[in-house]
C-alpha atoms as a PDB file:
ATOM      1  CA  MET A   1      36.749  65.047  40.743  1.00  0.00           C
ATOM      2  CA  VAL A   2      35.410  64.264  44.187  1.00  0.00           C
ATOM      3  CA  LEU A   3      32.368  66.489  43.490  1.00  0.00           C
ATOM      4  CA  ALA A   4      31.738  64.885  40.114  1.00  0.00           C
ATOM      5  CA  THR A   5      31.964  61.431  41.609  1.00  0.00           C
ATOM      6  CA  ALA A   6      29.519  62.354  44.355  1.00  0.00           C
ATOM      7  CA  ILE A   7      27.038  63.753  41.840  1.00  0.00           C
ATOM      8  CA  ALA A   8      27.303  60.605  39.682  1.00  0.00           C
ATOM      9  CA  VAL A   9      26.762  58.359  42.666  1.00  0.00           C
ATOM     10  CA  ALA A  10      23.757  60.419  43.756  1.00  0.00           C
ATOM     11  CA  VAL A  11      22.189  60.322  40.288  1.00  0.00           C
ATOM     12  CA  ALA A  12      22.805  56.587  39.982  1.00  0.00           C
ATOM     13  CA  GLY A  13      21.300  55.964  43.360  1.00  0.00           C
ATOM     14  CA  TRP A  14      18.251  57.996  42.464  1.00  0.00           C
ATOM     15  CA  TRP A  15      17.806  56.122  39.168  1.00  0.00           C
ATOM     16  CA  LEU A  16      18.258  52.723  40.682  1.00  0.00           C
ATOM     17  CA  GLY A  17      15.936  53.681  43.505  1.00  0.00           C
ATOM     18  CA  SER A  18      12.866  55.726  42.677  1.00  0.00           C
ATOM     19  CA  GLY A  19      14.017  57.670  39.654  1.00  0.00           C
ATOM     20  CA  ARG A  20      13.337  55.004  37.000  1.00  0.00           C
ATOM     21  CA  PHE A  21       9.816  54.206  38.218  1.00  0.00           C
ATOM     22  CA  VAL A  22       6.696  56.225  37.534  1.00  0.00           C
ATOM     23  CA  GLU A  23       3.102  55.880  38.680  1.00  0.00           C
ATOM     24  CA  VAL A  24       0.371  55.041  36.149  1.00  0.00           C
ATOM     25  CA  PRO A  25      -1.958  58.064  36.110  1.00  0.00           C
ATOM     26  CA  SER A  26      -5.775  57.813  36.352  1.00  0.00           C
ATOM     27  CA  VAL A  27      -7.582  58.333  33.062  1.00  0.00           C
ATOM     28  CA  GLN A  28     -11.150  58.062  34.334  1.00  0.00           C
ATOM     29  CA  GLY A  29     -13.580  60.270  32.462  1.00  0.00           C
ATOM     30  CA  MET A  30     -11.065  61.121  29.740  1.00  0.00           C
ATOM     31  CA  SER A  31     -11.199  60.499  26.024  1.00  0.00           C
ATOM     32  CA  VAL A  32      -8.674  58.196  24.366  1.00  0.00           C
ATOM     33  CA  GLY A  33      -6.699  61.196  23.157  1.00  0.00           C
ATOM     34  CA  GLN A  34      -6.603  62.817  26.571  1.00  0.00           C
ATOM     35  CA  ALA A  35      -5.562  59.583  28.230  1.00  0.00           C
ATOM     36  CA  THR A  36      -2.797  59.072  25.676  1.00  0.00           C
ATOM     37  CA  GLU A  37      -1.426  62.554  26.384  1.00  0.00           C
ATOM     38  CA  VAL A  38      -1.537  62.149  30.175  1.00  0.00           C
ATOM     39  CA  ILE A  39       0.242  58.793  30.040  1.00  0.00           C
ATOM     40  CA  GLY A  40       2.917  60.198  27.731  1.00  0.00           C
ATOM     41  CA  GLU A  41       3.554  63.129  30.091  1.00  0.00           C
ATOM     42  CA  VAL A  42       4.795  60.806  32.853  1.00  0.00           C
ATOM     43  CA  GLY A  43       7.222  59.025  30.515  1.00  0.00           C
ATOM     44  CA  LEU A  44       5.094  56.033  29.512  1.00  0.00           C
ATOM     45  CA  THR A  45       3.922  54.770  26.118  1.00  0.00           C
ATOM     46  CA  ALA A  46       0.163  54.531  25.545  1.00  0.00           C
ATOM     47  CA  ALA A  47      -1.639  51.831  23.527  1.00  0.00           C
ATOM     48  CA  THR A  48      -5.347  51.033  23.231  1.00  0.00           C
ATOM     49  CA  ARG A  49      -7.093  47.727  23.799  1.00  0.00           C
ATOM     50  CA  ASP A  50     -10.736  46.662  23.768  1.00  0.00           C
ATOM     51  CA  ALA A  51     -12.216  45.558  27.064  1.00  0.00           C
ATOM     52  CA  PHE A  52     -15.576  44.120  28.026  1.00  0.00           C
ATOM     53  CA  SER A  53     -17.602  45.879  30.698  1.00  0.00           C
ATOM     54  CA  ASN A  54     -21.008  45.449  32.261  1.00  0.00           C
ATOM     55  CA  ASP A  55     -21.294  49.120  33.270  1.00  0.00           C
ATOM     56  CA  VAL A  56     -19.135  51.263  31.016  1.00  0.00           C
ATOM     57  CA  PRO A  57     -20.850  52.115  27.717  1.00  0.00           C
ATOM     58  CA  PRO A  58     -19.092  51.223  24.449  1.00  0.00           C
ATOM     59  CA  SER A  59     -16.230  53.546  23.402  1.00  0.00           C
ATOM     60  CA  ALA A  60     -15.840  54.963  26.942  1.00  0.00           C
ATOM     61  CA  LEU A  61     -12.689  54.214  28.934  1.00  0.00           C
ATOM     62  CA  VAL A  62     -12.770  51.327  31.397  1.00  0.00           C
ATOM     63  CA  GLY A  63      -9.330  52.099  32.808  1.00  0.00           C
ATOM     64  CA  THR A  64      -5.759  51.081  32.150  1.00  0.00           C
ATOM     65  CA  ASP A  65      -3.581  47.975  32.271  1.00  0.00           C
ATOM     66  CA  PRO A  66      -1.623  48.194  34.556  1.00  0.00           C
ATOM     67  CA  GLU A  67      -4.314  49.973  36.568  1.00  0.00           C
ATOM     68  CA  ALA A  68      -3.976  53.533  37.863  1.00  0.00           C
ATOM     69  CA  GLY A  69      -1.546  53.933  40.783  1.00  0.00           C
ATOM     70  CA  SER A  70       0.676  51.038  39.746  1.00  0.00           C
ATOM     71  CA  ARG A  71       4.418  51.773  39.695  1.00  0.00           C
ATOM     72  CA  VAL A  72       6.032  50.788  36.435  1.00  0.00           C
ATOM     73  CA  THR A  73       9.357  51.359  34.764  1.00  0.00           C
ATOM     74  CA  ARG A  74       9.631  54.620  32.873  1.00  0.00           C
ATOM     75  CA  GLY A  75       9.097  53.978  29.149  1.00  0.00           C
ATOM     76  CA  ASP A  76       6.834  50.950  29.665  1.00  0.00           C
ATOM     77  CA  THR A  77       3.645  50.559  27.622  1.00  0.00           C
ATOM     78  CA  VAL A  78       0.311  51.109  29.327  1.00  0.00           C
ATOM     79  CA  ASP A  79      -2.857  49.824  27.634  1.00  0.00           C
ATOM     80  CA  ILE A  80      -5.835  52.173  27.611  1.00  0.00           C
ATOM     81  CA  LEU A  81      -8.898  49.928  27.978  1.00  0.00           C
ATOM     82  CA  VAL A  82     -11.766  50.985  25.722  1.00  0.00           C
ATOM     83  CA  SER A  83     -15.184  49.490  26.508  1.00  0.00           C
ATOM     84  CA  VAL A  84     -16.919  47.330  23.923  1.00  0.00           C
ATOM     85  CA  GLY A  85     -19.859  46.690  26.265  1.00  0.00           C
ATOM     86  CA  ARG A  86     -21.017  43.360  27.610  1.00  0.00           C
ATOM     87  CA  PRO A  87     -19.505  40.207  26.074  1.00  0.00           C
ATOM     88  CA  VAL A  88     -21.329  37.933  23.625  1.00  0.00           C
ATOM     89  CA  VAL A  89     -20.734  34.183  23.863  1.00  0.00           C
ATOM     90  CA  PRO A  90     -18.523  33.359  20.830  1.00  0.00           C
ATOM     91  CA  GLU A  91     -19.002  30.599  18.290  1.00  0.00           C
ATOM     92  CA  VAL A  92     -16.970  27.404  18.698  1.00  0.00           C
ATOM     93  CA  GLY A  93     -14.157  27.641  16.168  1.00  0.00           C
ATOM     94  CA  ALA A  94     -12.535  25.061  13.941  1.00  0.00           C
ATOM     95  CA  ASP A  95     -10.308  24.009  16.843  1.00  0.00           C
ATOM     96  CA  ARG A  96     -12.796  22.374  19.199  1.00  0.00           C
ATOM     97  CA  THR A  97     -10.350  21.176  21.820  1.00  0.00           C
ATOM     98  CA  VAL A  98     -11.238  22.148  25.372  1.00  0.00           C
ATOM     99  CA  GLU A  99      -7.991  24.124  25.649  1.00  0.00           C
ATOM    100  CA  ALA A 100      -8.649  26.196  22.521  1.00  0.00           C
ATOM    101  CA  VAL A 101     -12.310  26.916  23.368  1.00  0.00           C
ATOM    102  CA  SER A 102     -11.400  27.808  26.956  1.00  0.00           C
ATOM    103  CA  ALA A 103      -8.791  30.285  25.718  1.00  0.00           C
ATOM    104  CA  THR A 104     -11.355  31.931  23.392  1.00  0.00           C
ATOM    105  CA  LEU A 105     -13.897  32.254  26.216  1.00  0.00           C
ATOM    106  CA  ARG A 106     -11.322  33.911  28.465  1.00  0.00           C
ATOM    107  CA  GLU A 107     -10.537  36.380  25.680  1.00  0.00           C
ATOM    108  CA  TYR A 108     -14.214  37.361  25.901  1.00  0.00           C
ATOM    109  CA  SER A 109     -13.895  37.775  29.689  1.00  0.00           C
ATOM    110  CA  LEU A 110     -15.986  34.678  30.282  1.00  0.00           C
ATOM    111  CA  GLU A 111     -15.318  31.744  32.600  1.00  0.00           C
ATOM    112  CA  PRO A 112     -15.075  28.317  30.881  1.00  0.00           C
ATOM    113  CA  VAL A 113     -16.430  25.386  32.914  1.00  0.00           C
ATOM    114  CA  ALA A 114     -16.619  21.675  32.132  1.00  0.00           C
ATOM    115  CA  GLY A 115     -20.116  20.517  31.206  1.00  0.00           C
ATOM    116  CA  GLN A 116     -21.748  17.187  30.486  1.00  0.00           C
ATOM    117  CA  THR A 117     -21.065  14.920  27.526  1.00  0.00           C
ATOM    118  CA  ALA A 118     -23.253  14.166  24.509  1.00  0.00           C
ATOM    119  CA  HIS A 119     -23.037  11.762  21.581  1.00  0.00           C
ATOM    120  CA  SER A 120     -21.893  13.232  18.280  1.00  0.00           C
ATOM    121  CA  ASP A 121     -21.243  11.649  14.892  1.00  0.00           C
ATOM    122  CA  SER A 122     -19.021  14.518  13.733  1.00  0.00           C
ATOM    123  CA  VAL A 123     -17.112  15.844  16.769  1.00  0.00           C
ATOM    124  CA  PRO A 124     -14.226  13.678  18.059  1.00  0.00           C
ATOM    125  CA  VAL A 125     -14.410  12.295  21.583  1.00  0.00           C
ATOM    126  CA  GLY A 126     -13.445  14.874  24.237  1.00  0.00           C
ATOM    127  CA  GLU A 127     -13.824  17.914  21.999  1.00  0.00           C
ATOM    128  CA  VAL A 128     -16.440  20.656  22.448  1.00  0.00           C
ATOM    129  CA  VAL A 129     -19.841  20.060  20.822  1.00  0.00           C
ATOM    130  CA  SER A 130     -21.677  23.188  22.045  1.00  0.00           C
ATOM    131  CA  LEU A 131     -21.759  25.952  24.660  1.00  0.00           C
ATOM    132  CA  ASP A 132     -24.314  26.977  27.273  1.00  0.00           C
ATOM    133  CA  PRO A 133     -25.320  29.832  27.131  1.00  0.00           C
ATOM    134  CA  ARG A 134     -25.499  29.470  23.348  1.00  0.00           C
ATOM    135  CA  PRO A 135     -23.170  31.458  21.063  1.00  0.00           C
ATOM    136  CA  GLY A 136     -24.575  34.909  20.312  1.00  0.00           C
ATOM    137  CA  THR A 137     -26.027  35.332  23.804  1.00  0.00           C
ATOM    138  CA  THR A 138     -25.081  38.628  25.530  1.00  0.00           C
ATOM    139  CA  VAL A 139     -23.964  37.977  29.115  1.00  0.00           C
ATOM    140  CA  ASP A 140     -22.100  39.695  31.952  1.00  0.00           C
ATOM    141  CA  VAL A 141     -18.325  39.744  32.293  1.00  0.00           C
ATOM    142  CA  GLY A 142     -17.167  36.612  34.126  1.00  0.00           C
ATOM    143  CA  THR A 143     -20.280  34.586  33.298  1.00  0.00           C
ATOM    144  CA  PRO A 144     -19.578  30.821  33.511  1.00  0.00           C
ATOM    145  CA  VAL A 145     -19.984  29.147  30.113  1.00  0.00           C
ATOM    146  CA  SER A 146     -20.488  25.402  30.150  1.00  0.00           C
ATOM    147  CA  MET A 147     -18.669  23.370  27.478  1.00  0.00           C
ATOM    148  CA  LEU A 148     -20.586  20.256  26.317  1.00  0.00           C
ATOM    149  CA  THR A 149     -18.028  17.707  25.132  1.00  0.00           C
ATOM    150  CA  SER A 150     -18.393  14.788  22.716  1.00  0.00           C
ATOM    151  CA  ALA A 151     -18.759  11.195  23.864  1.00  0.00           C
ATOM    152  CA  GLY A 152     -18.391  10.035  20.251  1.00  0.00           C
ATOM    153  CA  PRO A 153     -21.110   8.501  18.062  1.00  0.00           C
ATOM    154  CA  ALA A 154     -24.257   7.229  19.752  1.00  0.00           C
ATOM    155  CA  PRO A 155     -24.340   3.441  20.240  1.00  0.00           C
ATOM    156  CA  VAL A 156     -26.208   1.384  17.653  1.00  0.00           C
ATOM    157  CA  ALA A 157     -28.251  -1.735  18.390  1.00  0.00           C
ATOM    158  CA  VAL A 158     -27.110  -4.764  16.377  1.00  0.00           C
ATOM    159  CA  PRO A 159     -30.077  -5.805  14.185  1.00  0.00           C
ATOM    160  CA  GLU A 160     -31.642  -9.274  14.211  1.00  0.00           C
ATOM    161  CA  VAL A 161     -30.573 -11.081  11.031  1.00  0.00           C
ATOM    162  CA  ALA A 162     -31.190 -14.735  11.879  1.00  0.00           C
ATOM    163  CA  GLY A 163     -33.073 -16.450   9.066  1.00  0.00           C
ATOM    164  CA  LEU A 164     -32.061 -13.937   6.384  1.00  0.00           C
ATOM    165  CA  GLU A 165     -30.041 -14.828   3.315  1.00  0.00           C
ATOM    166  CA  GLU A 166     -26.398 -13.758   3.620  1.00  0.00           C
ATOM    167  CA  ASP A 167     -26.796 -10.745   1.286  1.00  0.00           C
ATOM    168  CA  GLN A 168     -29.940  -9.614   3.106  1.00  0.00           C
ATOM    169  CA  ALA A 169     -28.237  -9.950   6.492  1.00  0.00           C
ATOM    170  CA  ARG A 170     -25.239  -7.931   5.317  1.00  0.00           C
ATOM    171  CA  ALA A 171     -27.546  -5.187   4.009  1.00  0.00           C
ATOM    172  CA  ALA A 172     -29.425  -5.065   7.336  1.00  0.00           C
ATOM    173  CA  ILE A 173     -26.180  -4.671   9.302  1.00  0.00           C
ATOM    174  CA  GLU A 174     -24.831  -1.961   7.007  1.00  0.00           C
ATOM    175  CA  GLY A 175     -28.213  -0.223   7.024  1.00  0.00           C
ATOM    176  CA  ALA A 176     -27.906   0.109  10.812  1.00  0.00           C
ATOM    177  CA  GLY A 177     -24.646   2.047  10.426  1.00  0.00           C
ATOM    178  CA  LEU A 178     -22.361  -0.905  11.129  1.00  0.00           C
ATOM    179  CA  THR A 179     -19.955  -2.894   8.979  1.00  0.00           C
ATOM    180  CA  VAL A 180     -19.467  -6.616   8.418  1.00  0.00           C
ATOM    181  CA  SER A 181     -15.866  -7.198   9.413  1.00  0.00           C
ATOM    182  CA  GLU A 182     -15.954 -10.975   9.035  1.00  0.00           C
ATOM    183  CA  VAL A 183     -18.252 -13.752   7.821  1.00  0.00           C
ATOM    184  CA  GLU A 184     -17.872 -16.895   9.897  1.00  0.00           C
ATOM    185  CA  ARG A 185     -19.385 -20.072   8.504  1.00  0.00           C
ATOM    186  CA  VAL A 186     -20.565 -22.508  11.145  1.00  0.00           C
ATOM    187  CA  TYR A 187     -22.639 -25.685  11.163  1.00  0.00           C
ATOM    188  CA  ASP A 188     -26.214 -25.576  12.397  1.00  0.00           C
ATOM    189  CA  ASP A 189     -28.473 -28.574  11.807  1.00  0.00           C
ATOM    190  CA  GLU A 190     -31.576 -26.355  11.935  1.00  0.00           C
ATOM    191  CA  ILE A 191     -30.519 -23.672   9.427  1.00  0.00           C
ATOM    192  CA  ASP A 192     -29.986 -24.141   5.693  1.00  0.00           C
ATOM    193  CA  GLY A 193     -26.581 -23.337   4.273  1.00  0.00           C
ATOM    194  CA  GLY A 194     -26.177 -19.701   3.178  1.00  0.00           C
ATOM    195  CA  THR A 195     -28.705 -18.477   5.776  1.00  0.00           C
ATOM    196  CA  ALA A 196     -27.663 -16.197   8.636  1.00  0.00           C
ATOM    197  CA  ILE A 197     -27.568 -17.787  12.095  1.00  0.00           C
ATOM    198  CA  GLY A 198     -26.863 -14.552  13.956  1.00  0.00           C
ATOM    199  CA  THR A 199     -24.087 -12.102  14.778  1.00  0.00           C
ATOM    200  CA  GLU A 200     -21.287 -11.465  17.243  1.00  0.00           C
ATOM    201  CA  PRO A 201     -22.073  -9.383  19.268  1.00  0.00           C
ATOM    202  CA  GLY A 202     -25.641 -10.685  19.343  1.00  0.00           C
ATOM    203  CA  ALA A 203     -28.797  -8.929  18.183  1.00  0.00           C
ATOM    204  CA  GLY A 204     -29.781  -6.008  20.412  1.00  0.00           C
ATOM    205  CA  SER A 205     -26.241  -5.376  21.681  1.00  0.00           C
ATOM    206  CA  ASP A 206     -25.215  -1.713  21.787  1.00  0.00           C
ATOM    207  CA  VAL A 207     -22.041  -1.018  19.813  1.00  0.00           C
ATOM    208  CA  ALA A 208     -20.390   2.096  18.437  1.00  0.00           C
ATOM    209  CA  ARG A 209     -21.482   3.272  15.000  1.00  0.00           C
ATOM    210  CA  ARG A 210     -19.297   1.911  12.190  1.00  0.00           C
ATOM    211  CA  ASP A 211     -18.007  -0.888  14.448  1.00  0.00           C
ATOM    212  CA  GLY A 212     -17.260  -4.194  12.735  1.00  0.00           C
ATOM    213  CA  ILE A 213     -19.712  -7.058  13.264  1.00  0.00           C
ATOM    214  CA  THR A 214     -19.069 -10.779  12.703  1.00  0.00           C
ATOM    215  CA  LEU A 215     -21.845 -12.338  10.621  1.00  0.00           C
ATOM    216  CA  LEU A 216     -22.501 -16.012  11.378  1.00  0.00           C
ATOM    217  CA  VAL A 217     -23.729 -17.966   8.350  1.00  0.00           C
ATOM    218  CA  SER A 218     -24.749 -21.621   8.262  1.00  0.00           C
ATOM    219  CA  ASN A 219     -22.610 -23.912   6.132  1.00  0.00           C
ATOM    220  CA  ALA A 220     -24.947 -26.884   6.557  1.00  0.00           C
ATOM    221  CA  MET A 221     -25.303 -29.104   3.500  1.00  0.00           C
ATOM    222  CA  THR A 222     -28.913 -30.101   2.870  1.00  0.00           C
ATOM    223  CA  VAL A 223     -29.423 -33.559   1.370  1.00  0.00           C
ATOM    224  CA  PRO A 224     -31.297 -33.115  -1.935  1.00  0.00           C
ATOM    225  CA  ASP A 225     -34.215 -35.272  -3.064  1.00  0.00           C
ATOM    226  CA  ILE A 226     -32.661 -37.594  -5.647  1.00  0.00           C
ATOM    227  CA  ARG A 227     -35.266 -40.374  -5.578  1.00  0.00           C
ATOM    228  CA  ASP A 228     -35.747 -41.935  -9.024  1.00  0.00           C
ATOM    229  CA  VAL A 229     -32.617 -40.220 -10.405  1.00  0.00           C
ATOM    230  CA  PRO A 230     -30.089 -42.475 -12.168  1.00  0.00           C
ATOM    231  CA  VAL A 231     -27.477 -43.530  -9.625  1.00  0.00           C
ATOM    232  CA  ASP A 232     -24.456 -42.463 -11.699  1.00  0.00           C
ATOM    233  CA  GLU A 233     -25.953 -39.044 -12.398  1.00  0.00           C
ATOM    234  CA  ALA A 234     -26.910 -38.583  -8.751  1.00  0.00           C
ATOM    235  CA  SER A 235     -23.434 -39.575  -7.567  1.00  0.00           C
ATOM    236  CA  ASP A 236     -21.779 -37.013  -9.825  1.00  0.00           C
ATOM    237  CA  VAL A 237     -24.077 -34.218  -8.619  1.00  0.00           C
ATOM    238  CA  LEU A 238     -23.631 -35.129  -4.950  1.00  0.00           C
ATOM    239  CA  THR A 239     -19.848 -35.409  -5.199  1.00  0.00           C
ATOM    240  CA  GLU A 240     -19.624 -32.037  -6.922  1.00  0.00           C
ATOM    241  CA  ALA A 241     -21.738 -30.554  -4.112  1.00  0.00           C
ATOM    242  CA  GLY A 242     -19.220 -31.785  -1.527  1.00  0.00           C
ATOM    243  CA  PHE A 243     -20.884 -34.973  -0.276  1.00  0.00           C
ATOM    244  CA  THR A 244     -18.962 -38.194   0.230  1.00  0.00           C
ATOM    245  CA  VAL A 245     -21.087 -40.772  -1.608  1.00  0.00           C
ATOM    246  CA  VAL A 246     -21.267 -44.396  -0.477  1.00  0.00           C
ATOM    247  CA  ARG A 247     -23.301 -46.794  -2.619  1.00  0.00           C
ATOM    248  CA  GLU A 248     -25.268 -49.305  -0.570  1.00  0.00           C
ATOM    249  CA  ALA A 249     -26.555 -52.696  -1.662  1.00  0.00           C
ATOM    250  CA  PRO A 250     -29.547 -52.375  -3.970  1.00  0.00           C
ATOM    251  CA  VAL A 251     -33.116 -53.051  -2.916  1.00  0.00           C
ATOM    252  CA  THR A 252     -36.113 -54.051  -4.968  1.00  0.00           C
ATOM    253  CA  ASP A 253     -38.625 -51.213  -5.121  1.00  0.00           C
ATOM    254  CA  ARG A 254     -41.684 -51.744  -7.287  1.00  0.00           C
ATOM    255  CA  GLN A 255     -41.906 -47.989  -7.987  1.00  0.00           C
ATOM    256  CA  ILE A 256     -38.270 -47.331  -8.904  1.00  0.00           C
ATOM    257  CA  ALA A 257     -36.595 -48.860 -11.918  1.00  0.00           C
ATOM    258  CA  ASP A 258     -33.300 -50.680 -11.876  1.00  0.00           C
ATOM    259  CA  GLY A 259     -30.264 -48.395 -11.593  1.00  0.00           C
ATOM    260  CA  ARG A 260     -32.152 -45.449 -10.120  1.00  0.00           C
ATOM    261  CA  VAL A 261     -32.051 -44.111  -6.547  1.00  0.00           C
ATOM    262  CA  VAL A 262     -34.594 -45.471  -4.095  1.00  0.00           C
ATOM    263  CA  ARG A 263     -33.491 -43.401  -1.081  1.00  0.00           C
ATOM    264  CA  THR A 264     -30.573 -41.839   0.732  1.00  0.00           C
ATOM    265  CA  ASP A 265     -29.333 -42.230   4.265  1.00  0.00           C
ATOM    266  CA  PRO A 266     -29.729 -39.676   5.852  1.00  0.00           C
ATOM    267  CA  PRO A 267     -32.930 -38.885   3.962  1.00  0.00           C
ATOM    268  CA  ALA A 268     -33.627 -35.848   1.768  1.00  0.00           C
ATOM    269  CA  GLY A 269     -33.910 -32.594   3.717  1.00  0.00           C
ATOM    270  CA  THR A 270     -31.377 -33.578   6.382  1.00  0.00           C
ATOM    271  CA  ARG A 271     -28.680 -30.963   7.097  1.00  0.00           C
ATOM    272  CA  LEU A 272     -25.144 -32.334   7.357  1.00  0.00           C
ATOM    273  CA  ASP A 273     -21.910 -30.930   8.699  1.00  0.00           C
ATOM    274  CA  PRO A 274     -19.542 -30.300   5.730  1.00  0.00           C
ATOM    275  CA  ASP A 275     -16.768 -31.933   7.774  1.00  0.00           C
ATOM    276  CA  ASP A 276     -18.753 -35.179   7.909  1.00  0.00           C
ATOM    277  CA  ALA A 277     -21.061 -35.093   4.881  1.00  0.00           C
ATOM    278  CA  VAL A 278     -21.238 -38.836   4.227  1.00  0.00           C
ATOM    279  CA  LEU A 279     -24.315 -39.778   2.199  1.00  0.00           C
ATOM    280  CA  ARG A 280     -25.321 -43.388   1.623  1.00  0.00           C
ATOM    281  CA  VAL A 281     -27.197 -43.944  -1.629  1.00  0.00           C
ATOM    282  CA  VAL A 282     -29.510 -46.945  -1.961  1.00  0.00           C
ATOM    283  CA  PRO A 283     -30.223 -47.907  -5.602  1.00  0.00           C
ATOM    284  CA  SER A 284     -33.012 -50.034  -6.990  1.00  0.00           C
ATOM    285  CA  ASP A 285     -32.464 -53.368  -8.719  1.00  0.00           C
ATOM    286  CA  ALA A 286     -36.116 -53.750  -9.672  1.00  0.00           C
ATOM    287  CA  VAL A 287     -36.788 -55.188 -13.115  1.00  0.00           C
ATOM    288  CA  THR A 288     -40.230 -55.644 -14.652  1.00  0.00           C
ATOM    289  CA  VAL A 289     -40.402 -59.037 -16.262  1.00  0.00           C
ATOM    290  CA  PRO A 290     -40.946 -58.520 -19.995  1.00  0.00           C
ATOM    291  CA  LEU A 291     -43.513 -60.434 -22.023  1.00  0.00           C
ATOM    292  CA  VAL A 292     -41.853 -63.167 -24.052  1.00  0.00           C
ATOM    293  CA  LEU A 293     -44.795 -65.540 -24.500  1.00  0.00           C
ATOM    294  CA  GLY A 294     -45.145 -66.597 -28.132  1.00  0.00           C
ATOM    295  CA  SER A 295     -41.509 -65.725 -28.890  1.00  0.00           C
ATOM    296  CA  ARG A 296     -38.920 -68.189 -30.049  1.00  0.00           C
ATOM    297  CA  ALA A 297     -37.027 -69.431 -27.014  1.00  0.00           C
ATOM    298  CA  SER A 298     -33.723 -68.021 -28.302  1.00  0.00           C
ATOM    299  CA  ASP A 299     -35.254 -64.553 -28.788  1.00  0.00           C
ATOM    300  CA  ALA A 300     -36.930 -64.752 -25.377  1.00  0.00           C
ATOM    301  CA  ARG A 301     -33.587 -65.558 -23.761  1.00  0.00           C
ATOM    302  CA  ARG A 302     -31.937 -62.564 -25.424  1.00  0.00           C
ATOM    303  CA  THR A 303     -34.773 -60.229 -24.349  1.00  0.00           C
ATOM    304  CA  LEU A 304     -34.691 -61.373 -20.751  1.00  0.00           C
ATOM    305  CA  GLU A 305     -30.916 -61.235 -20.450  1.00  0.00           C
ATOM    306  CA  GLU A 306     -30.885 -57.709 -21.896  1.00  0.00           C
ATOM    307  CA  ALA A 307     -33.345 -56.822 -19.116  1.00  0.00           C
ATOM    308  CA  GLY A 308     -30.800 -58.090 -16.565  1.00  0.00           C
ATOM    309  CA  LEU A 309     -32.458 -61.398 -15.859  1.00  0.00           C
ATOM    310  CA  SER A 310     -31.190 -64.950 -16.086  1.00  0.00           C
ATOM    311  CA  VAL A 311     -33.105 -67.609 -18.016  1.00  0.00           C
ATOM    312  CA  THR A 312     -33.820 -71.304 -17.524  1.00  0.00           C
ATOM    313  CA  ILE A 313     -35.422 -73.182 -20.442  1.00  0.00           C
ATOM    314  CA  ASP A 314     -36.642 -76.765 -20.352  1.00  0.00           C
ATOM    315  CA  THR A 315     -34.023 -79.068 -21.870  1.00  0.00           C
ATOM    316  CA  GLY A 316     -34.444 -79.668 -25.558  1.00  0.00           C
ATOM    317  CA  THR A 317     -36.804 -76.828 -26.184  1.00  0.00           C
ATOM    318  CA  SER A 318     -34.363 -73.971 -26.743  1.00  0.00           C
ATOM    319  CA  GLY A 319     -35.468 -73.556 -30.305  1.00  0.00           C
ATOM    320  CA  GLY A 320     -39.194 -73.831 -29.677  1.00  0.00           C
ATOM    321  CA  ILE A 321     -41.954 -71.311 -29.043  1.00  0.00           C
ATOM    322  CA  VAL A 322     -42.435 -70.049 -25.482  1.00  0.00           C
ATOM    323  CA  TYR A 323     -45.836 -70.864 -24.102  1.00  0.00           C
ATOM    324  CA  GLY A 324     -45.151 -70.276 -20.412  1.00  0.00           C
ATOM    325  CA  GLN A 325     -42.929 -68.101 -18.177  1.00  0.00           C
ATOM    326  CA  THR A 326     -42.425 -67.839 -14.444  1.00  0.00           C
ATOM    327  CA  PRO A 327     -42.666 -65.249 -12.942  1.00  0.00           C
ATOM    328  CA  LEU A 328     -45.380 -63.922 -15.190  1.00  0.00           C
ATOM    329  CA  PRO A 329     -44.913 -60.868 -17.426  1.00  0.00           C
ATOM    330  CA  GLY A 330     -45.285 -57.550 -15.581  1.00  0.00           C
ATOM    331  CA  ARG A 331     -44.050 -58.881 -12.257  1.00  0.00           C
ATOM    332  CA  VAL A 332     -41.276 -56.877 -10.555  1.00  0.00           C
ATOM    333  CA  VAL A 333     -38.222 -58.892  -9.556  1.00  0.00           C
ATOM    334  CA  ALA A 334     -34.635 -58.199  -8.571  1.00  0.00           C
ATOM    335  CA  ARG A 335     -32.059 -57.820 -11.315  1.00  0.00           C
ATOM    336  CA  GLY A 336     -30.444 -61.211 -11.934  1.00  0.00           C
ATOM    337  CA  SER A 337     -33.522 -63.158 -10.952  1.00  0.00           C
ATOM    338  CA  ASP A 338     -34.094 -66.385 -12.839  1.00  0.00           C
ATOM    339  CA  ILE A 339     -36.990 -66.552 -15.296  1.00  0.00           C
ATOM    340  CA  GLN A 340     -38.171 -70.042 -16.147  1.00  0.00           C
ATOM    341  CA  LEU A 341     -39.513 -70.577 -19.648  1.00  0.00           C
ATOM    342  CA  ASP A 342     -41.589 -73.376 -21.024  1.00  0.00           C
ATOM    343  CA  ALA A 343     -41.278 -73.855 -24.792  1.00  0.00           C
ATOM    344  CA  LEU A 344     -42.670 -76.228 -27.390  1.00  0.00           C
ATOM    345  CA  GLY A 345     -40.189 -78.433 -29.165  1.00  0.00           C
END
């Protein structure tokens, strides 16, 4: 029993000490088959793996991993490294993150390094756009490969749209690769309503492609030319257009008939703020004195009153024939003016 115990202790000590470790043999100059056999003879398992090499021709052995002379546990796997020649810079895969591309480059025995940035419409910010040297280039093991990363889409200059109609301005902005995020209507006394004043940010500003732009459009209300339009008709049109109409006292205008517009205040062509679009309308009360000479006085009275005039006839001659009138026929007077008639008895 004492002898058996001593032997067991000795064997255990040997195993725990040097007995369970073996040294990886050198396989230089061997074929894959020979190297597999040599590794198996020392109690290790052989596997093959491709390896890049600047000097060893393809299919020849580069060495082992762990390398020859390393002490490993008996039964471990040792990779036989088979040369595939010098590495070729790989293509950037679907995963363009710096981490993923760096890992791929290291698999090709290349050294990933951070490069400059470049604008790209398709590659997200921070991801790899391209490599330098270019993919497909044969290089030495350990060659640094620069990774060009995306800075996002190139900036776009906001176009000048002032003076364009709203639809034209929108088309110009969208044609530059931007979007109209908002249309803001503001008053400008120099720009007709519906015409673009400008943008925010302003023309020439550099912004990211597809950014939203605020389009500024004038909401000014331009006073129309309503001279010689019937006052009631003009008032309806103006009110419907958003103006606040105030009728002023009439004036006598020889060129504009009674009940029609002589002028507006402010005048036609003026641009008003929609929040204060008060328009004063001045009508005409001009009446052209009709010809009543030779008429019976009663008929002359009716004609003149229908024209908006008052009539004074000499006493006792209301049924006679008119032989005189003041003012004379064809004169322009204010509505309500008195016309004096002289009639025969």
